[in-house]
Amino acid sequence: MRVLVVMATLAAALALAAPAWAFNCPVVIKQADDLIKKAEGTKVNAESKPLIDEAKKLVAEAKAHHEGAKTKKDHGDAVRKAKTAAAYAEEAIVLATP
């Protein structure tokens, strides 16, 4: 009996988690956009400019993956690309800071 309760609880949790993951894309994409804007507001130099450009490219790809998402993998790709874009933007901020 306890095993059935645990399995039912786990199944319900997984069913609720999947749709929530899909709605996580816009949050992560916005975070990346905000970091890119912050990076652009710093003293952009030869080291940071390519990173900002790559971040912009990746966040555009993340938006496209999210908007055209048909599977969980598409949402996962969107989140991964947005997080990578955020990392590039953060690195650009560090490199631009004296």
N, C-alpha and C. Protein backbone atom coordinates (compact mmCIF):
# COMPACT_ATOMS: atom_id res chain seq x y z
N MET A 1 0.82 -1.19 0.00
CA MET A 1 0.00 0.00 0.00
C MET A 1 0.87 1.26 0.00
N ARG A 2 1.91 1.30 0.84
CA ARG A 2 2.78 2.47 0.92
C ARG A 2 3.48 2.71 -0.42
N VAL A 3 3.87 1.63 -1.08
CA VAL A 3 4.56 1.76 -2.37
C VAL A 3 3.64 2.43 -3.38
N LEU A 4 2.37 2.07 -3.38
CA LEU A 4 1.42 2.68 -4.30
C LEU A 4 1.25 4.17 -4.02
N VAL A 5 1.22 4.55 -2.77
CA VAL A 5 1.07 5.96 -2.39
C VAL A 5 2.30 6.75 -2.85
N VAL A 6 3.48 6.18 -2.62
CA VAL A 6 4.71 6.85 -3.04
C VAL A 6 4.76 6.98 -4.55
N MET A 7 4.39 5.91 -5.26
CA MET A 7 4.41 5.95 -6.73
C MET A 7 3.39 6.96 -7.26
N ALA A 8 2.23 7.04 -6.65
CA ALA A 8 1.21 7.99 -7.08
C ALA A 8 1.66 9.41 -6.83
N THR A 9 2.29 9.63 -5.69
CA THR A 9 2.80 10.97 -5.36
C THR A 9 3.89 11.37 -6.34
N LEU A 10 4.80 10.45 -6.64
CA LEU A 10 5.88 10.72 -7.59
C LEU A 10 5.33 11.02 -8.98
N ALA A 11 4.35 10.25 -9.41
CA ALA A 11 3.74 10.47 -10.73
C ALA A 11 3.06 11.85 -10.79
N ALA A 12 2.39 12.23 -9.73
CA ALA A 12 1.73 13.55 -9.70
C ALA A 12 2.76 14.66 -9.73
N ALA A 13 3.85 14.50 -9.00
CA ALA A 13 4.91 15.52 -8.98
C ALA A 13 5.53 15.67 -10.37
N LEU A 14 5.79 14.57 -11.04
CA LEU A 14 6.37 14.63 -12.38
C LEU A 14 5.41 15.26 -13.38
N ALA A 15 4.14 14.96 -13.25
CA ALA A 15 3.15 15.53 -14.16
C ALA A 15 3.06 17.05 -14.00
N LEU A 16 3.22 17.53 -12.78
CA LEU A 16 3.17 18.97 -12.54
C LEU A 16 4.47 19.66 -12.91
N ALA A 17 5.59 18.95 -12.82
CA ALA A 17 6.89 19.56 -13.09
C ALA A 17 7.12 19.80 -14.57
N ALA A 18 6.65 18.94 -15.44
CA ALA A 18 6.89 19.09 -16.88
C ALA A 18 6.33 20.39 -17.44
N PRO A 19 5.07 20.75 -17.18
CA PRO A 19 4.59 22.02 -17.69
C PRO A 19 5.32 23.22 -17.10
N ALA A 20 5.73 23.13 -15.85
CA ALA A 20 6.44 24.23 -15.22
C ALA A 20 7.78 24.47 -15.90
N TRP A 21 8.42 23.40 -16.37
CA TRP A 21 9.71 23.53 -17.04
C TRP A 21 9.55 24.34 -18.31
N ALA A 22 8.46 24.15 -19.02
CA ALA A 22 8.22 24.88 -20.26
C ALA A 22 8.10 26.38 -19.99
N PHE A 23 7.56 26.74 -18.84
CA PHE A 23 7.40 28.15 -18.53
C PHE A 23 8.67 28.75 -17.94
N ASN A 24 9.70 27.94 -17.70
CA ASN A 24 10.96 28.42 -17.18
C ASN A 24 11.78 29.11 -18.27
N CYS A 25 11.55 28.75 -19.52
CA CYS A 25 12.32 29.33 -20.63
C CYS A 25 12.30 30.86 -20.62
N PRO A 26 11.13 31.50 -20.56
CA PRO A 26 11.12 32.96 -20.60
C PRO A 26 11.89 33.60 -19.45
N VAL A 27 11.88 32.97 -18.29
CA VAL A 27 12.60 33.52 -17.15
C VAL A 27 14.11 33.50 -17.41
N VAL A 28 14.61 32.36 -17.87
CA VAL A 28 16.04 32.23 -18.12
C VAL A 28 16.46 33.12 -19.29
N ILE A 29 15.62 33.22 -20.31
CA ILE A 29 15.91 34.09 -21.45
C ILE A 29 15.96 35.55 -21.01
N LYS A 30 15.04 35.95 -20.14
CA LYS A 30 15.04 37.34 -19.65
C LYS A 30 16.30 37.61 -18.83
N GLN A 31 16.71 36.66 -18.02
CA GLN A 31 17.94 36.83 -17.24
C GLN A 31 19.13 37.03 -18.16
N ALA A 32 19.19 36.25 -19.24
CA ALA A 32 20.29 36.39 -20.20
C ALA A 32 20.23 37.74 -20.89
N ASP A 33 19.02 38.17 -21.28
CA ASP A 33 18.86 39.49 -21.91
C ASP A 33 19.32 40.60 -20.98
N ASP A 34 18.96 40.50 -19.70
CA ASP A 34 19.36 41.52 -18.72
C ASP A 34 20.88 41.57 -18.55
N LEU A 35 21.51 40.40 -18.53
CA LEU A 35 22.96 40.37 -18.40
C LEU A 35 23.65 40.93 -19.65
N ILE A 36 23.07 40.68 -20.81
CA ILE A 36 23.62 41.23 -22.05
C ILE A 36 23.54 42.75 -22.02
N LYS A 37 22.40 43.28 -21.59
CA LYS A 37 22.26 44.75 -21.47
C LYS A 37 23.27 45.31 -20.49
N LYS A 38 23.47 44.60 -19.38
CA LYS A 38 24.46 45.05 -18.40
C LYS A 38 25.86 45.03 -19.01
N ALA A 39 26.16 44.00 -19.76
CA ALA A 39 27.48 43.89 -20.41
C ALA A 39 27.68 45.00 -21.42
N GLU A 40 26.62 45.33 -22.15
CA GLU A 40 26.71 46.42 -23.14
C GLU A 40 26.89 47.77 -22.46
N GLY A 41 26.45 47.87 -21.21
CA GLY A 41 26.57 49.12 -20.47
C GLY A 41 27.95 49.33 -19.86
N THR A 42 28.78 48.30 -19.93
CA THR A 42 30.14 48.43 -19.41
C THR A 42 31.04 48.99 -20.51
N LYS A 43 32.28 49.18 -20.16
CA LYS A 43 33.25 49.67 -21.15
C LYS A 43 33.64 48.48 -22.03
N VAL A 44 32.94 48.33 -23.16
CA VAL A 44 33.17 47.20 -24.06
C VAL A 44 34.54 47.35 -24.70
N ASN A 45 35.32 46.25 -24.67
CA ASN A 45 36.64 46.27 -25.27
C ASN A 45 36.79 45.12 -26.26
N ALA A 46 37.98 44.95 -26.79
CA ALA A 46 38.21 43.92 -27.81
C ALA A 46 37.99 42.51 -27.27
N GLU A 47 38.20 42.32 -25.97
CA GLU A 47 37.98 41.00 -25.38
C GLU A 47 36.51 40.72 -25.11
N SER A 48 35.77 41.74 -24.72
CA SER A 48 34.37 41.52 -24.32
C SER A 48 33.39 41.57 -25.49
N LYS A 49 33.70 42.31 -26.54
CA LYS A 49 32.77 42.44 -27.67
C LYS A 49 32.38 41.10 -28.30
N PRO A 50 33.35 40.21 -28.62
CA PRO A 50 32.95 38.92 -29.20
C PRO A 50 32.08 38.09 -28.27
N LEU A 51 32.29 38.22 -26.97
CA LEU A 51 31.47 37.48 -26.01
C LEU A 51 30.04 38.00 -26.00
N ILE A 52 29.90 39.31 -26.08
CA ILE A 52 28.56 39.90 -26.11
C ILE A 52 27.84 39.50 -27.40
N ASP A 53 28.57 39.51 -28.51
CA ASP A 53 27.98 39.10 -29.79
C ASP A 53 27.52 37.65 -29.75
N GLU A 54 28.34 36.78 -29.16
CA GLU A 54 27.97 35.36 -29.05
C GLU A 54 26.76 35.20 -28.12
N ALA A 55 26.72 35.95 -27.05
CA ALA A 55 25.59 35.89 -26.13
C ALA A 55 24.30 36.30 -26.84
N LYS A 56 24.37 37.37 -27.64
CA LYS A 56 23.18 37.81 -28.39
C LYS A 56 22.70 36.73 -29.35
N LYS A 57 23.66 36.08 -30.04
CA LYS A 57 23.31 35.03 -30.99
C LYS A 57 22.62 33.87 -30.27
N LEU A 58 23.19 33.47 -29.14
CA LEU A 58 22.63 32.34 -28.41
C LEU A 58 21.26 32.65 -27.82
N VAL A 59 21.06 33.86 -27.33
CA VAL A 59 19.76 34.20 -26.76
C VAL A 59 18.70 34.26 -27.87
N ALA A 60 19.08 34.68 -29.07
CA ALA A 60 18.14 34.66 -30.20
C ALA A 60 17.76 33.23 -30.54
N GLU A 61 18.74 32.33 -30.51
CA GLU A 61 18.46 30.91 -30.76
C GLU A 61 17.57 30.34 -29.66
N ALA A 62 17.81 30.74 -28.42
CA ALA A 62 17.00 30.27 -27.30
C ALA A 62 15.54 30.70 -27.48
N LYS A 63 15.34 31.95 -27.89
CA LYS A 63 13.97 32.44 -28.13
C LYS A 63 13.29 31.63 -29.23
N ALA A 64 14.04 31.35 -30.29
CA ALA A 64 13.48 30.57 -31.40
C ALA A 64 13.12 29.15 -30.95
N HIS A 65 13.99 28.53 -30.16
CA HIS A 65 13.69 27.18 -29.65
C HIS A 65 12.43 27.20 -28.79
N HIS A 66 12.31 28.22 -27.94
CA HIS A 66 11.14 28.29 -27.05
C HIS A 66 9.86 28.52 -27.84
N GLU A 67 9.91 29.46 -28.77
CA GLU A 67 8.69 29.79 -29.53
C GLU A 67 8.24 28.64 -30.42
N GLY A 68 9.19 27.86 -30.94
CA GLY A 68 8.83 26.75 -31.81
C GLY A 68 8.84 25.40 -31.11
N ALA A 69 8.84 25.41 -29.79
CA ALA A 69 8.97 24.17 -29.02
C ALA A 69 7.79 23.24 -29.24
N LYS A 70 8.13 21.99 -29.52
CA LYS A 70 7.12 20.96 -29.67
C LYS A 70 7.35 19.84 -28.67
N THR A 71 8.56 19.77 -28.15
CA THR A 71 8.91 18.72 -27.19
C THR A 71 9.65 19.32 -26.00
N LYS A 72 9.83 18.50 -24.98
CA LYS A 72 10.60 18.94 -23.81
C LYS A 72 12.03 19.25 -24.20
N LYS A 73 12.56 18.50 -25.16
CA LYS A 73 13.93 18.72 -25.61
C LYS A 73 14.09 20.12 -26.17
N ASP A 74 13.08 20.61 -26.90
CA ASP A 74 13.14 21.97 -27.44
C ASP A 74 13.22 23.00 -26.32
N HIS A 75 12.44 22.79 -25.27
CA HIS A 75 12.50 23.69 -24.12
C HIS A 75 13.85 23.57 -23.42
N GLY A 76 14.35 22.35 -23.33
CA GLY A 76 15.67 22.13 -22.73
C GLY A 76 16.76 22.84 -23.52
N ASP A 77 16.67 22.78 -24.85
CA ASP A 77 17.63 23.48 -25.71
C ASP A 77 17.55 24.99 -25.48
N ALA A 78 16.34 25.50 -25.34
CA ALA A 78 16.16 26.93 -25.11
C ALA A 78 16.80 27.36 -23.80
N VAL A 79 16.57 26.59 -22.75
CA VAL A 79 17.14 26.91 -21.44
C VAL A 79 18.66 26.82 -21.49
N ARG A 80 19.18 25.76 -22.11
CA ARG A 80 20.63 25.59 -22.19
C ARG A 80 21.29 26.74 -22.93
N LYS A 81 20.70 27.14 -24.05
CA LYS A 81 21.29 28.24 -24.83
C LYS A 81 21.19 29.56 -24.09
N ALA A 82 20.09 29.77 -23.39
CA ALA A 82 19.95 31.01 -22.61
C ALA A 82 20.96 31.05 -21.47
N LYS A 83 21.17 29.93 -20.81
CA LYS A 83 22.15 29.88 -19.72
C LYS A 83 23.57 30.10 -20.26
N THR A 84 23.85 29.55 -21.42
CA THR A 84 25.17 29.74 -22.04
C THR A 84 25.34 31.21 -22.43
N ALA A 85 24.29 31.82 -22.95
CA ALA A 85 24.34 33.24 -23.30
C ALA A 85 24.60 34.08 -22.06
N ALA A 86 23.96 33.74 -20.97
CA ALA A 86 24.17 34.46 -19.71
C ALA A 86 25.61 34.33 -19.25
N ALA A 87 26.18 33.14 -19.41
CA ALA A 87 27.58 32.93 -19.01
C ALA A 87 28.52 33.79 -19.85
N TYR A 88 28.27 33.86 -21.15
CA TYR A 88 29.10 34.72 -22.02
C TYR A 88 28.98 36.18 -21.59
N ALA A 89 27.76 36.61 -21.31
CA ALA A 89 27.56 38.01 -20.89
C ALA A 89 28.26 38.29 -19.56
N GLU A 90 28.18 37.35 -18.64
CA GLU A 90 28.87 37.53 -17.35
C GLU A 90 30.37 37.62 -17.55
N GLU A 91 30.92 36.80 -18.43
CA GLU A 91 32.36 36.85 -18.70
C GLU A 91 32.73 38.19 -19.33
N ALA A 92 31.89 38.69 -20.22
CA ALA A 92 32.15 40.00 -20.84
C ALA A 92 32.16 41.10 -19.78
N ILE A 93 31.28 41.01 -18.81
CA ILE A 93 31.23 42.01 -17.73
C ILE A 93 32.53 41.96 -16.93
N VAL A 94 32.98 40.76 -16.62
CA VAL A 94 34.22 40.61 -15.85
C VAL A 94 35.40 41.17 -16.62
N LEU A 95 35.48 40.87 -17.91
CA LEU A 95 36.61 41.33 -18.72
C LEU A 95 36.58 42.84 -18.93
N ALA A 96 35.41 43.43 -18.89
CA ALA A 96 35.31 44.88 -19.12
C ALA A 96 35.53 45.68 -17.84
N THR A 97 35.49 45.00 -16.72
CA THR A 97 35.66 45.68 -15.43
C THR A 97 37.15 45.80 -15.12
N PRO A 98 37.59 47.02 -14.81
CA PRO A 98 39.03 47.20 -14.52
C PRO A 98 39.47 46.52 -13.24
